[in-house]
Every structure is written in C-alpha cells, then in structure tokens.
Amino acid sequence: MISGSMETAETLNAILKTIDEGIHVVDANGMTIFYNSVAASLDGLTLEEVHNYHVLDAFPSLTKETSTLLKVIQTGTPIYNQHQAYTNRKGKQIDTVNSTLPLWLDGELIGAVEVAKDISKVKQLSDQLLDLQAKMKTSKNKTDKQTFSTYHFHNILSLDPLLNDIKEQCRKASKTSSPIMIYGETGTGKEMFVQAIHNESPRGNKPFVVQNCAAIPGPLLEGILFGTKKGSFTGAVDRPGVFELADGGTLFLDEINSMPIELQAKLLRVIQEGVVQRIGSTDFRKVNVRIISALNEAPEICLSKGVLRQDLFFRLNVVYIELPPLRERHKDISYLSIHFLNELNTAFKKNVLGLTQEAEQLFNEYSWPGNIRELKHAIEHCMNFADNNTSIGIALLPKHIKGTKSFRTENHIPHPSSIPPLREALGEYEKQIIQMALKQTSGNIQQAAKILQVPRQTLQYKIRQK
C-alpha cells in the first residue's frame, strides 16, 4: 500500500514538472511543498531557494495581506485569474495571470496551490501598441496611415453580384454611427470592409483602433479595453484603454466571440452608458465610439454554445453583414488570381503570364478553407518558383492544393484497382486539411482547432495519430 502511494506521488510530481505554467504549492502553514522550474524561472529563483521554505521567507517583499497563497489558506476561498506584475530578483519585469485554489482533504484545509501563466510577452506587445496608438491620437496632423486604416471600398475587388451588393450596403451603413457586426470565415476580408466603412464615414479622419479579442487572458484584455490606474494591481501604471484611444472614431473588436463571457457584461455596460472606468479608478470618462465587431463563427452557433451573450449580441447586431466564402464566389477565384499575380509580377520584377487551364480548373474546384488570404498565399508560393514568360501549371501549386487532384476523376472512369479504400482516402484528406490549418496558424493548435471547429484535445489526438 505504501509502495503504491509513493508511486502515485512520484507520478504526480513528474506530471507537475512537465506543465508549462508556474506551480507553487504550500501546506496549511504556508511552507512550500512543491515549486516547479517554470515558477522558479518567472521569479528568478532556484528551486532550492523556495522549496521547504515559508512563503514569506522565500519572498520577503510579500506580507500576509498581499500573499494570495496565505490569503487562500486563511479564507479557504479561491482567487481566479488575478493579474500580477512584478520585477523578479533578476530585475526582469514579469506579468502573470494567477489562479490560487485551496486544497481540501476529507473536509480539512491542507494547503493551497497557485498556477501562474506567464503573459509578459503578450503584455509587452499590447502595451507597445497602446502607447503607439496613444501617440497617434495626440498627433496634430493625422493621416490615414496614422489611424491604421488604409483600405477603401475601391480596394475590395469582386465580380460576385452578392459581394458587390454587400459593398453597397456597407457604403450606406458607413454614413451612420450604428453598431455593425460582421460574420465571415477566416480570410474573407472582414477587416478590409471594416476599414472601408470607417474611411467612408464622417469619422474617417478620427482614430481607427483594432483589438483582437482572441488568445488574450481576460484580466489583461480588460485592462487593454478600459485602461488601468496606477496602483490598481502590482505593477499597474496609468494607461488609457482602446475605448479612450478610439474616442471620436471607430473601435473594431475582432473575434468578439473569444472574449471571456464575464468581460462581455462589462463591455455591454460601457456601450450602453457611453462611459468607461479604468481598472482601479473611481472616475468615469465619457467616450464617443462607433463599435464594429466581427465573428469568425456564425452568430447562431456562438449563441447556442454560450460564448456570446445574447444581450451583447442584440446590442451590437444593429447592422449585420455576412461575407460569403470564396468557394461560393466562383468568378472571383480566377479574377483575384490574376489580380494577385499582376501585383506580384510588379513586386518580384517578373513576367509570369498567368495560370494554365489545368491549374485554373484545379483552383476552381478547390474549397479554399482559408479563403482570399489562402488564395493570395497560394499565388505567391507559385510566383517564387515560376519562370518568366511562362504560365503557372499544376506542378508549381502548393502540395495541399494539387494533392486534391489525386481523388478526382479526369475525364475518364478510373480502374477499380486505382480507387483507394474510402477510410484511407478520408484519412489522407483529413491529414491534408489539418496540415493546412496548422500552416495557416503557424502551428498554433488552439487557433487551428477553431478554424476546423473541433476541440483542441481532438485535434491534438489526430495530429499524434497522423
């Protein structure tokens, strides 16, 4: 029995060491009984300087009141998603989002565990962007480039009647200040439409601020949206949020369905009242902002999954725009291919003549899950290898596109022996789609899972099986 317990403890210890988040566990007296290397790296300490030491001895800058671990031991109440900023012993600025939980055994509080996720790089980048946008806002001579809005309606090219009707609807809606919600698959050009709406609006010479709501922890995103007051949390400084930076202009909230649901309630209140309150401040600042939001998943799906509040949806969905995917815009595949080819001829100083008939046919039959962005990248791929005064043939196409050709008939009925088993064919096609999604997201499994609309764990399992 003792041997089994020791093996279980060793297994658990090994698992905790492999987790890529800081783990700090203390007993009921505040003594450290587990401290992994990630936590040590964040704090600029060694394992030996913390393990078997009391929290206040290992971290003399803390007190009983400021230590979340000791507070949870005292109250038995968990603390979730608390943003902490501090300078570690090596002088490095660290930003984390921490959750601290009590440990109970048979009804007795035996300790607490703190899980810290390092968001230093994300926080640094977001601060740099906010500072840059703040400088642009105070600039006396604003231009389109200074408001980060460069696209106009004439830049949106299409031969598709439906898309051109949508352009006209957006042009009309640009004249008002009504909230607009845009749904479209990844790569359909949502931001191009948003920028065009802003530039054509009476706010066109005012700030245009973009905030992607995906892959940012809730506490950090809250500060980005509403701003922070110095002292509101450890390391906090006075900084305006994107609502203040966009005052008088347009705020584009992309992938708003990825925003934590509790933060959506605070966003709704700001939209309804027209005032913003920085984190830690008692002051309210009036803002005049037109909000355009975007979804990368159909709104009815977002509502049914509970990732989008219904009241927020109705508040933002005054004007609703749905962009069709490229696979439904057949004329645009060839039209945009030639457009991108001509652009790249100029950029690469080449003279590529176009697509062969076979390559063009394959483009028209391909599903384009990455839409216009994928088409542009496919043409650029081909242009890197194409010779002057020649046309792009199937041999130059990206592997995942020309790979679909093997599963189609080519003006003849294939011999039965050449037809692969259905399970094998589906497995190969699934592998290609997964590779495409991973390539499009630069290997980010969580983002690829969103594109493929499968749970992240399912995608990880399938990757391992391939």
Protein backbone atom coordinates (compact mmCIF):
# COMPACT_ATOMS: atom_id res chain seq x y z
CA MET A 1 0.00 0.00 0.00
CA ILE A 2 2.82 2.38 0.91
CA SER A 3 4.67 1.47 -2.28
CA GLY A 4 1.57 2.28 -4.35
CA SER A 5 1.18 5.67 -2.65
CA MET A 6 4.84 6.50 -3.30
CA GLU A 7 4.48 5.60 -6.97
CA THR A 8 1.37 7.78 -7.24
CA ALA A 9 3.17 10.71 -5.62
CA GLU A 10 6.17 10.30 -7.93
CA THR A 11 3.90 10.14 -10.96
CA LEU A 12 2.05 13.28 -9.89
CA ASN A 13 5.34 15.04 -9.23
CA ALA A 14 6.61 14.12 -12.70
CA ILE A 15 3.41 15.41 -14.31
CA LEU A 16 3.56 18.74 -12.47
CA LYS A 17 7.16 19.24 -13.60
CA THR A 18 6.15 18.97 -17.27
CA ILE A 19 3.40 21.62 -17.11
CA ASP A 20 4.42 24.84 -18.86
CA GLU A 21 2.87 27.07 -16.17
CA GLY A 22 4.30 28.06 -12.81
CA ILE A 23 3.08 25.79 -9.99
CA HIS A 24 3.56 26.71 -6.32
CA VAL A 25 2.05 24.51 -3.61
CA VAL A 26 2.14 25.25 0.14
CA ASP A 27 0.84 23.34 3.13
CA ALA A 28 -1.61 24.73 5.70
CA ASN A 29 1.25 26.51 7.50
CA GLY A 30 2.48 28.30 4.36
CA MET A 31 5.52 26.05 3.85
CA THR A 32 6.38 25.30 0.22
CA ILE A 33 5.98 21.61 -0.58
CA PHE A 34 6.17 21.90 -4.38
CA TYR A 35 7.65 24.54 -6.68
CA ASN A 36 8.35 23.77 -10.33
CA SER A 37 11.07 25.09 -12.61
CA VAL A 38 8.67 27.33 -14.57
CA ALA A 39 7.72 29.18 -11.38
CA ALA A 40 11.39 29.43 -10.44
CA SER A 41 12.22 30.92 -13.84
CA LEU A 42 9.45 33.51 -13.52
CA ASP A 43 10.60 34.55 -10.04
CA GLY A 44 14.30 34.49 -10.93
CA LEU A 45 14.99 31.99 -8.17
CA THR A 46 16.28 28.46 -7.85
CA LEU A 47 14.14 25.57 -6.61
CA GLU A 48 16.35 25.31 -3.51
CA GLU A 49 15.63 28.92 -2.52
CA VAL A 50 11.90 28.26 -2.26
CA HIS A 51 11.26 24.57 -1.60
CA ASN A 52 10.79 23.77 2.11
CA TYR A 53 10.76 27.50 2.96
CA HIS A 54 7.84 29.54 4.24
CA VAL A 55 6.29 31.83 1.61
CA LEU A 56 7.26 34.99 3.49
CA ASP A 57 10.84 33.77 3.95
CA ALA A 58 11.26 32.93 0.25
CA PHE A 59 9.50 36.15 -0.82
CA PRO A 60 10.30 38.80 1.80
CA SER A 61 8.52 41.52 -0.22
CA LEU A 62 5.19 39.78 0.47
CA THR A 63 3.05 40.06 3.59
CA LYS A 64 0.16 38.06 5.00
CA GLU A 65 -2.17 40.56 3.34
CA THR A 66 -0.53 40.58 -0.10
CA SER A 67 0.29 36.87 -0.49
CA THR A 68 -2.52 35.17 -2.38
CA LEU A 69 -1.39 31.75 -1.15
CA LEU A 70 -1.64 32.79 2.51
CA LYS A 71 -4.92 34.61 1.87
CA VAL A 72 -6.46 31.45 0.38
CA ILE A 73 -5.19 29.36 3.31
CA GLN A 74 -6.80 31.84 5.70
CA THR A 75 -10.14 32.16 3.93
CA GLY A 76 -10.49 28.87 2.07
CA THR A 77 -11.82 30.89 -0.89
CA PRO A 78 -10.23 30.50 -4.33
CA ILE A 79 -8.89 33.50 -6.25
CA TYR A 80 -9.26 33.24 -10.02
CA ASN A 81 -7.43 34.97 -12.86
CA GLN A 82 -5.68 37.68 -10.86
CA HIS A 83 -3.28 39.81 -12.88
CA GLN A 84 0.08 40.34 -11.19
CA ALA A 85 3.01 42.41 -12.40
CA TYR A 86 6.33 42.46 -10.59
CA THR A 87 10.09 42.66 -11.03
CA ASN A 88 11.78 39.39 -10.14
CA ARG A 89 15.10 39.02 -8.31
CA LYS A 90 16.99 39.24 -11.61
CA GLY A 91 15.42 42.61 -12.36
CA LYS A 92 13.14 41.26 -15.09
CA GLN A 93 9.60 42.62 -15.44
CA ILE A 94 7.12 39.74 -15.16
CA ASP A 95 3.38 39.76 -15.87
CA THR A 96 1.31 36.75 -14.90
CA VAL A 97 -2.31 35.72 -14.57
CA ASN A 98 -2.65 33.65 -11.41
CA SER A 99 -5.31 31.36 -10.00
CA THR A 100 -4.92 30.28 -6.37
CA LEU A 101 -7.00 27.38 -5.04
CA PRO A 102 -7.45 25.82 -1.60
CA LEU A 103 -6.57 22.15 -1.17
CA TRP A 104 -9.08 20.13 0.83
CA LEU A 105 -8.79 16.57 2.11
CA ASP A 106 -11.70 14.95 3.91
CA GLY A 107 -13.13 18.38 4.71
CA GLU A 108 -9.85 19.71 6.14
CA LEU A 109 -7.87 22.56 4.51
CA ILE A 110 -4.39 21.13 3.98
CA GLY A 111 -2.82 23.83 1.81
CA ALA A 112 -3.11 25.86 -1.38
CA VAL A 113 -1.86 25.73 -4.95
CA GLU A 114 -1.13 28.67 -7.22
CA VAL A 115 -0.96 28.35 -11.01
CA ALA A 116 0.77 31.24 -12.79
CA LYS A 117 0.59 31.76 -16.54
CA ASP A 118 3.31 34.00 -17.97
CA ILE A 119 1.82 36.74 -20.17
CA SER A 120 4.87 39.04 -20.14
CA LYS A 121 5.41 39.00 -23.91
CA VAL A 122 1.72 39.48 -24.70
CA LYS A 123 1.51 42.30 -22.14
CA GLN A 124 4.64 43.97 -23.52
CA LEU A 125 3.32 43.87 -27.07
CA SER A 126 -0.11 45.14 -26.06
CA ASP A 127 1.45 48.00 -24.06
CA GLN A 128 3.63 48.96 -27.02
CA LEU A 129 0.60 49.01 -29.31
CA LEU A 130 -1.45 51.04 -26.83
CA ASP A 131 1.39 53.52 -26.39
CA LEU A 132 1.79 53.82 -30.16
CA GLN A 133 -1.94 54.37 -30.64
CA ALA A 134 -1.92 56.96 -27.85
CA LYS A 135 0.88 58.87 -29.60
CA MET A 136 -1.03 58.78 -32.87
CA LYS A 137 -4.15 60.07 -31.13
CA THR A 138 -2.29 63.11 -29.78
CA SER A 139 -0.64 63.83 -33.11
CA LYS A 140 -1.91 67.09 -34.56
CA ASN A 141 -1.68 66.10 -38.21
CA LYS A 142 -3.47 62.78 -38.65
CA THR A 143 -3.39 60.84 -41.90
CA ASP A 144 -4.95 57.52 -42.95
CA LYS A 145 -1.71 55.77 -42.08
CA GLN A 146 -1.69 57.32 -38.62
CA THR A 147 -5.16 55.94 -37.92
CA PHE A 148 -4.07 52.47 -39.11
CA SER A 149 -6.84 52.48 -41.72
CA THR A 150 -5.69 52.11 -45.32
CA TYR A 151 -8.43 50.23 -47.22
CA HIS A 152 -11.31 51.85 -49.09
CA PHE A 153 -14.25 50.30 -50.92
CA HIS A 154 -12.45 50.56 -54.26
CA ASN A 155 -9.75 48.26 -52.83
CA ILE A 156 -12.31 45.45 -52.39
CA LEU A 157 -12.28 43.70 -55.76
CA SER A 158 -15.02 41.29 -56.84
CA LEU A 159 -17.09 40.16 -59.81
CA ASP A 160 -19.58 38.47 -57.50
CA PRO A 161 -23.02 40.19 -57.54
CA LEU A 162 -23.75 39.28 -53.90
CA LEU A 163 -20.47 40.70 -52.60
CA ASN A 164 -20.92 43.88 -54.61
CA ASP A 165 -24.39 44.25 -53.09
CA ILE A 166 -22.80 43.86 -49.66
CA LYS A 167 -20.28 46.58 -50.54
CA GLU A 168 -23.15 48.92 -51.37
CA GLN A 169 -24.92 48.07 -48.09
CA CYS A 170 -21.72 48.79 -46.15
CA ARG A 171 -21.25 52.06 -48.01
CA LYS A 172 -24.73 53.17 -46.93
CA ALA A 173 -24.23 51.99 -43.33
CA SER A 174 -20.92 53.86 -43.11
CA LYS A 175 -22.81 57.18 -43.05
CA THR A 176 -24.32 56.48 -39.61
CA SER A 177 -22.94 55.64 -36.17
CA SER A 178 -24.92 52.42 -35.70
CA PRO A 179 -23.02 49.38 -34.39
CA ILE A 180 -22.11 46.87 -37.11
CA MET A 181 -21.47 43.15 -36.72
CA ILE A 182 -19.66 41.25 -39.47
CA TYR A 183 -19.52 37.48 -39.78
CA GLY A 184 -17.18 35.74 -42.15
CA GLU A 185 -14.84 32.79 -42.23
CA THR A 186 -11.14 33.39 -41.65
CA GLY A 187 -9.60 35.12 -44.66
CA THR A 188 -12.79 36.55 -46.20
CA GLY A 189 -11.62 40.16 -45.77
CA LYS A 190 -13.56 41.30 -42.70
CA GLU A 191 -11.02 43.96 -41.71
CA MET A 192 -10.89 45.35 -45.25
CA PHE A 193 -14.64 46.01 -45.03
CA VAL A 194 -14.31 47.50 -41.55
CA GLN A 195 -11.55 49.88 -42.65
CA ALA A 196 -13.53 50.86 -45.74
CA ILE A 197 -16.59 51.62 -43.59
CA HIS A 198 -14.50 53.77 -41.25
CA ASN A 199 -12.80 55.68 -44.08
CA GLU A 200 -16.11 56.41 -45.80
CA SER A 201 -17.77 57.53 -42.57
CA PRO A 202 -17.89 61.01 -41.00
CA ARG A 203 -15.33 59.61 -38.55
CA GLY A 204 -12.84 58.87 -41.32
CA ASN A 205 -10.26 61.39 -40.07
CA LYS A 206 -10.64 60.22 -36.46
CA PRO A 207 -8.89 57.29 -34.73
CA PHE A 208 -9.36 53.76 -36.02
CA VAL A 209 -8.38 51.24 -33.33
CA VAL A 210 -8.31 47.45 -33.74
CA GLN A 211 -8.40 44.96 -30.88
CA ASN A 212 -8.40 41.21 -31.42
CA CYS A 213 -10.17 39.53 -28.52
CA ALA A 214 -8.72 36.05 -29.08
CA ALA A 215 -5.87 34.41 -27.18
CA ILE A 216 -5.64 37.21 -24.57
CA PRO A 217 -6.32 36.35 -20.91
CA GLY A 218 -9.41 38.07 -19.51
CA PRO A 219 -7.63 40.23 -16.88
CA LEU A 220 -5.17 41.54 -19.47
CA LEU A 221 -7.89 42.15 -22.07
CA GLU A 222 -9.94 44.10 -19.50
CA GLY A 223 -7.03 46.48 -18.97
CA ILE A 224 -6.50 46.82 -22.71
CA LEU A 225 -10.17 47.67 -23.28
CA PHE A 226 -10.83 50.03 -20.38
CA GLY A 227 -7.38 51.18 -19.25
CA THR A 228 -5.64 50.96 -15.89
CA LYS A 229 -4.92 53.27 -12.96
CA LYS A 230 -1.56 53.28 -11.24
CA GLY A 231 -1.65 51.02 -8.20
CA SER A 232 -4.80 49.14 -9.24
CA PHE A 233 -2.66 45.98 -9.14
CA THR A 234 1.01 45.30 -8.60
CA GLY A 235 2.96 46.99 -11.39
CA ALA A 236 -0.05 48.83 -12.86
CA VAL A 237 0.51 52.24 -14.47
CA ASP A 238 -1.81 54.98 -15.68
CA ARG A 239 -2.71 53.95 -19.21
CA PRO A 240 -5.78 54.59 -21.38
CA GLY A 241 -7.60 51.65 -22.91
CA VAL A 242 -8.68 51.26 -26.52
CA PHE A 243 -12.08 52.87 -25.81
CA GLU A 244 -10.36 56.11 -24.83
CA LEU A 245 -7.90 55.85 -27.71
CA ALA A 246 -10.76 55.39 -30.19
CA ASP A 247 -12.78 58.31 -28.78
CA GLY A 248 -14.46 60.13 -31.67
CA GLY A 249 -13.60 57.36 -34.09
CA THR A 250 -14.13 53.64 -34.66
CA LEU A 251 -13.23 50.67 -32.45
CA PHE A 252 -13.02 47.31 -34.24
CA LEU A 253 -13.40 44.33 -31.88
CA ASP A 254 -12.32 41.27 -33.86
CA GLU A 255 -13.27 37.73 -32.81
CA ILE A 256 -15.51 39.13 -30.09
CA ASN A 257 -16.89 35.62 -29.54
CA SER A 258 -13.50 34.75 -28.00
CA MET A 259 -13.89 37.40 -25.27
CA PRO A 260 -14.44 35.88 -21.79
CA ILE A 261 -18.15 35.86 -21.02
CA GLU A 262 -17.76 37.81 -17.75
CA LEU A 263 -15.92 40.57 -19.60
CA GLN A 264 -18.73 40.79 -22.15
CA ALA A 265 -21.05 42.01 -19.35
CA LYS A 266 -18.66 44.88 -18.57
CA LEU A 267 -18.37 45.69 -22.27
CA LEU A 268 -22.15 45.84 -22.58
CA ARG A 269 -22.34 48.32 -19.71
CA VAL A 270 -19.75 50.61 -21.33
CA ILE A 271 -21.63 50.50 -24.64
CA GLN A 272 -24.98 51.27 -23.03
CA GLU A 273 -23.77 54.07 -20.76
CA GLY A 274 -21.15 55.60 -23.06
CA VAL A 275 -18.64 55.92 -20.22
CA VAL A 276 -15.54 53.94 -19.34
CA GLN A 277 -13.91 53.37 -15.95
CA ARG A 278 -10.24 52.43 -15.79
CA ILE A 279 -9.39 49.43 -13.61
CA GLY A 280 -8.83 50.66 -10.06
CA SER A 281 -10.24 54.13 -10.73
CA THR A 282 -13.40 55.75 -9.37
CA ASP A 283 -13.57 58.26 -12.21
CA PHE A 284 -15.73 57.84 -15.30
CA ARG A 285 -14.68 59.07 -18.72
CA LYS A 286 -17.26 59.75 -21.41
CA VAL A 287 -16.41 58.20 -24.79
CA ASN A 288 -17.96 58.54 -28.22
CA VAL A 289 -17.01 55.42 -30.14
CA ARG A 290 -18.58 53.56 -33.03
CA ILE A 291 -18.16 49.83 -32.46
CA ILE A 292 -17.77 47.37 -35.30
CA SER A 293 -17.42 43.77 -34.17
CA ALA A 294 -16.54 40.61 -36.08
CA LEU A 295 -17.23 36.92 -35.59
CA ASN A 296 -15.34 34.05 -37.20
CA GLU A 297 -18.18 31.67 -36.33
CA ALA A 298 -21.87 32.04 -37.22
CA PRO A 299 -23.73 34.07 -34.55
CA GLU A 300 -26.37 31.39 -34.00
CA ILE A 301 -23.59 28.90 -33.22
CA CYS A 302 -21.88 31.36 -30.84
CA LEU A 303 -25.16 31.93 -29.02
CA SER A 304 -26.00 28.22 -28.78
CA LYS A 305 -22.52 27.43 -27.44
CA GLY A 306 -22.83 30.18 -24.85
CA VAL A 307 -19.65 32.00 -25.93
CA LEU A 308 -21.55 35.17 -26.85
CA ARG A 309 -24.01 36.89 -24.51
CA GLN A 310 -27.43 37.30 -26.08
CA ASP A 311 -27.89 40.85 -24.76
CA LEU A 312 -24.50 41.91 -26.12
CA PHE A 313 -25.32 40.30 -29.46
CA PHE A 314 -28.56 42.26 -29.80
CA ARG A 315 -26.77 45.48 -28.80
CA LEU A 316 -24.01 45.07 -31.41
CA ASN A 317 -26.10 43.45 -34.15
CA VAL A 318 -27.89 46.61 -35.30
CA VAL A 319 -26.41 46.26 -38.78
CA TYR A 320 -25.48 42.68 -39.68
CA ILE A 321 -23.16 41.84 -42.58
CA GLU A 322 -22.32 38.27 -43.64
CA LEU A 323 -19.41 37.84 -46.05
CA PRO A 324 -19.66 34.82 -48.40
CA PRO A 325 -16.69 32.43 -48.52
CA LEU A 326 -14.53 32.34 -51.63
CA ARG A 327 -15.81 28.88 -52.63
CA GLU A 328 -19.23 30.48 -53.23
CA ARG A 329 -17.77 33.27 -55.36
CA HIS A 330 -16.70 31.24 -58.39
CA LYS A 331 -15.97 34.19 -60.68
CA ASP A 332 -13.67 35.74 -58.09
CA ILE A 333 -11.26 32.81 -57.92
CA SER A 334 -9.85 33.44 -61.41
CA TYR A 335 -10.36 37.20 -61.18
CA LEU A 336 -8.44 37.56 -57.91
CA SER A 337 -5.78 35.06 -59.01
CA ILE A 338 -4.89 37.29 -61.95
CA HIS A 339 -5.00 40.38 -59.74
CA PHE A 340 -2.58 38.89 -57.21
CA LEU A 341 -0.37 37.54 -59.99
CA ASN A 342 -0.09 41.01 -61.56
CA GLU A 343 0.69 42.58 -58.19
CA LEU A 344 3.44 40.04 -57.57
CA ASN A 345 4.82 40.43 -61.08
CA THR A 346 5.48 44.05 -60.17
CA ALA A 347 6.79 43.28 -56.68
CA PHE A 348 9.05 40.42 -57.82
CA LYS A 349 10.02 42.10 -61.10
CA LYS A 350 8.82 39.10 -63.08
CA ASN A 351 6.69 38.45 -66.15
CA VAL A 352 4.60 35.38 -65.34
CA LEU A 353 1.81 35.04 -67.90
CA GLY A 354 -0.97 33.50 -65.79
CA LEU A 355 -2.38 30.08 -64.90
CA THR A 356 -2.59 27.12 -67.22
CA GLN A 357 -6.07 25.81 -67.95
CA GLU A 358 -5.42 22.76 -65.73
CA ALA A 359 -4.21 24.88 -62.81
CA GLU A 360 -7.15 27.25 -63.16
CA GLN A 361 -9.56 24.30 -63.18
CA LEU A 362 -7.96 22.92 -60.01
CA PHE A 363 -8.24 26.34 -58.34
CA ASN A 364 -11.95 26.47 -59.23
CA GLU A 365 -12.59 23.00 -57.80
CA TYR A 366 -10.62 23.56 -54.58
CA SER A 367 -12.65 24.50 -51.46
CA TRP A 368 -10.37 27.36 -50.21
CA PRO A 369 -10.93 26.96 -46.46
CA GLY A 370 -8.54 29.89 -45.91
CA ASN A 371 -10.49 31.98 -48.46
CA ILE A 372 -8.89 35.04 -50.10
CA ARG A 373 -5.88 35.02 -47.80
CA GLU A 374 -5.13 31.43 -48.75
CA LEU A 375 -5.58 32.20 -52.46
CA LYS A 376 -3.14 35.11 -52.25
CA HIS A 377 -0.56 32.98 -50.44
CA ALA A 378 -1.01 30.17 -52.98
CA ILE A 379 -0.29 32.57 -55.86
CA GLU A 380 2.73 33.96 -54.01
CA HIS A 381 4.00 30.41 -53.47
CA CYS A 382 3.80 29.75 -57.20
CA MET A 383 5.41 33.07 -58.11
CA ASN A 384 8.52 32.18 -56.12
CA PHE A 385 9.24 29.29 -58.50
CA ALA A 386 7.69 30.40 -61.81
CA ASP A 387 9.97 31.36 -64.70
CA ASN A 388 9.49 34.48 -66.78
CA ASN A 389 7.25 34.26 -69.85
CA THR A 390 5.65 31.03 -68.64
CA SER A 391 2.32 30.15 -67.07
CA ILE A 392 1.78 28.56 -63.67
CA GLY A 393 0.95 24.88 -64.03
CA ILE A 394 -0.17 22.24 -61.57
CA ALA A 395 3.42 21.27 -60.75
CA LEU A 396 4.03 24.66 -59.10
CA LEU A 397 0.89 24.65 -56.95
CA PRO A 398 1.16 24.17 -53.17
CA LYS A 399 1.17 20.49 -52.24
CA HIS A 400 -2.08 20.62 -50.26
CA ILE A 401 -3.92 22.04 -53.30
CA LYS A 402 -2.60 19.80 -56.02
CA GLY A 403 -2.92 16.84 -53.63
CA THR A 404 -6.69 17.01 -54.00
CA LYS A 405 -6.28 16.16 -57.67
CA SER A 406 -5.48 12.52 -56.89
CA PHE A 407 -9.00 11.97 -55.59
CA ARG A 408 -10.81 13.25 -58.68
CA THR A 409 -11.60 11.62 -61.97
CA GLU A 410 -10.02 13.19 -65.02
CA ASN A 411 -12.48 12.81 -67.88
CA HIS A 412 -12.47 9.04 -67.53
CA ILE A 413 -13.75 6.36 -65.17
CA PRO A 414 -10.83 5.08 -63.06
CA HIS A 415 -9.99 1.40 -62.93
CA PRO A 416 -11.30 -0.12 -59.68
CA SER A 417 -7.77 -1.05 -58.62
CA SER A 418 -6.80 2.65 -58.67
CA ILE A 419 -9.53 3.70 -56.27
CA PRO A 420 -8.23 3.82 -52.68
CA PRO A 421 -10.30 2.41 -49.80
CA LEU A 422 -12.73 5.03 -48.51
CA ARG A 423 -11.27 5.03 -44.99
CA GLU A 424 -7.76 5.53 -46.40
CA ALA A 425 -8.89 8.32 -48.74
CA LEU A 426 -10.78 10.16 -45.99
CA GLY A 427 -7.83 9.76 -43.64
CA GLU A 428 -5.45 11.26 -46.20
CA TYR A 429 -7.80 14.15 -46.92
CA GLU A 430 -8.23 14.82 -43.19
CA LYS A 431 -4.46 14.89 -42.81
CA GLN A 432 -4.15 17.48 -45.59
CA ILE A 433 -6.85 19.70 -44.06
CA ILE A 434 -5.14 19.56 -40.64
CA GLN A 435 -1.79 20.45 -42.23
CA MET A 436 -3.41 23.41 -44.00
CA ALA A 437 -4.94 24.71 -40.75
CA LEU A 438 -1.63 24.35 -38.88
CA LYS A 439 0.23 26.09 -41.69
CA GLN A 440 -2.26 28.95 -41.72
CA THR A 441 -1.92 29.44 -37.94
CA SER A 442 1.88 28.96 -37.88
CA GLY A 443 1.48 25.79 -35.85
CA ASN A 444 -0.88 27.24 -33.22
CA ILE A 445 -3.02 24.23 -32.30
CA GLN A 446 -5.65 26.24 -30.44
CA GLN A 447 -6.25 28.58 -33.40
CA ALA A 448 -6.19 25.66 -35.86
CA ALA A 449 -8.83 23.88 -33.76
CA LYS A 450 -11.03 26.98 -34.01
CA ILE A 451 -10.72 27.02 -37.80
CA LEU A 452 -11.51 23.30 -38.02
CA GLN A 453 -14.29 23.68 -35.41
CA VAL A 454 -13.09 20.76 -33.29
CA PRO A 455 -11.97 20.65 -29.63
CA ARG A 456 -8.25 21.28 -29.14
CA GLN A 457 -7.84 17.87 -27.48
CA THR A 458 -9.39 16.18 -30.52
CA LEU A 459 -7.01 17.96 -32.87
CA GLN A 460 -4.00 17.05 -30.72
CA TYR A 461 -5.07 13.40 -30.78
CA LYS A 462 -5.47 13.43 -34.56
CA ILE A 463 -2.05 15.07 -35.01
CA ARG A 464 -0.45 12.34 -32.94
CA GLN A 465 -2.27 9.66 -34.99
CA LYS A 466 -1.01 11.13 -38.28
